[in-house]
Amino acid sequence: MRIGDVEVRPLGGGVGCLLMILCSVLASVVATVVLNLLLR
């Protein structure tokens, strides 16, 4: 997967793919919570 000039490789196999998905879901949840706290 390429983002601009940087090539991003998921960690080996299915486990790495699941970890990346988990990390992105966690990051979006955290970002939502932080935004909600800031906007109150």
C-alpha atoms as a PDB file:
ATOM      1  CA  MET A   1       0.000   0.000   0.000  1.00  0.00           C
ATOM      2  CA  ARG A   2       1.438   3.379  -0.972  1.00  0.00           C
ATOM      3  CA  ILE A   3       0.720   6.689   0.730  1.00  0.00           C
ATOM      4  CA  GLY A   4       2.403   9.399  -1.318  1.00  0.00           C
ATOM      5  CA  ASP A   5       6.059   8.404  -1.601  1.00  0.00           C
ATOM      6  CA  VAL A   6       5.972   6.137   1.437  1.00  0.00           C
ATOM      7  CA  GLU A   7       5.264   2.444   1.061  1.00  0.00           C
ATOM      8  CA  VAL A   8       3.392   1.011   4.032  1.00  0.00           C
ATOM      9  CA  ARG A   9       3.662  -2.727   4.573  1.00  0.00           C
ATOM     10  CA  PRO A  10       1.326  -4.478   6.972  1.00  0.00           C
ATOM     11  CA  LEU A  11       3.049  -6.731   9.479  1.00  0.00           C
ATOM     12  CA  GLY A  12       3.342 -10.319   8.370  1.00  0.00           C
ATOM     13  CA  GLY A  13       0.226 -12.109   7.219  1.00  0.00           C
ATOM     14  CA  GLY A  14      -3.268 -12.105   8.664  1.00  0.00           C
ATOM     15  CA  VAL A  15      -2.234 -11.236  12.215  1.00  0.00           C
ATOM     16  CA  GLY A  16      -0.589  -8.001  11.111  1.00  0.00           C
ATOM     17  CA  CYS A  17      -3.622  -7.129   9.017  1.00  0.00           C
ATOM     18  CA  LEU A  18      -5.926  -7.661  11.995  1.00  0.00           C
ATOM     19  CA  LEU A  19      -3.595  -5.619  14.204  1.00  0.00           C
ATOM     20  CA  MET A  20      -3.623  -2.733  11.736  1.00  0.00           C
ATOM     21  CA  ILE A  21      -7.423  -2.816  11.540  1.00  0.00           C
ATOM     22  CA  LEU A  22      -7.652  -2.923  15.339  1.00  0.00           C
ATOM     23  CA  CYS A  23      -5.240  -0.007  15.658  1.00  0.00           C
ATOM     24  CA  SER A  24      -7.174   2.114  13.167  1.00  0.00           C
ATOM     25  CA  VAL A  25     -10.494   1.373  14.910  1.00  0.00           C
ATOM     26  CA  LEU A  26      -8.971   2.223  18.298  1.00  0.00           C
ATOM     27  CA  ALA A  27      -7.458   5.416  16.901  1.00  0.00           C
ATOM     28  CA  SER A  28     -10.792   6.556  15.467  1.00  0.00           C
ATOM     29  CA  VAL A  29     -12.596   5.825  18.753  1.00  0.00           C
ATOM     30  CA  VAL A  30      -9.971   7.745  20.725  1.00  0.00           C
ATOM     31  CA  ALA A  31     -10.128  10.659  18.272  1.00  0.00           C
ATOM     32  CA  THR A  32     -13.927  10.776  18.582  1.00  0.00           C
ATOM     33  CA  VAL A  33     -13.786  10.775  22.389  1.00  0.00           C
ATOM     34  CA  VAL A  34     -11.125  13.499  22.446  1.00  0.00           C
ATOM     35  CA  LEU A  35     -13.109  15.650  19.991  1.00  0.00           C
ATOM     36  CA  ASN A  36     -16.266  15.241  22.069  1.00  0.00           C
ATOM     37  CA  LEU A  37     -14.406  16.277  25.217  1.00  0.00           C
ATOM     38  CA  LEU A  38     -12.883  19.294  23.481  1.00  0.00           C
ATOM     39  CA  LEU A  39     -16.186  20.467  21.997  1.00  0.00           C
ATOM     40  CA  ARG A  40     -18.086  20.387  25.295  1.00  0.00           C
END
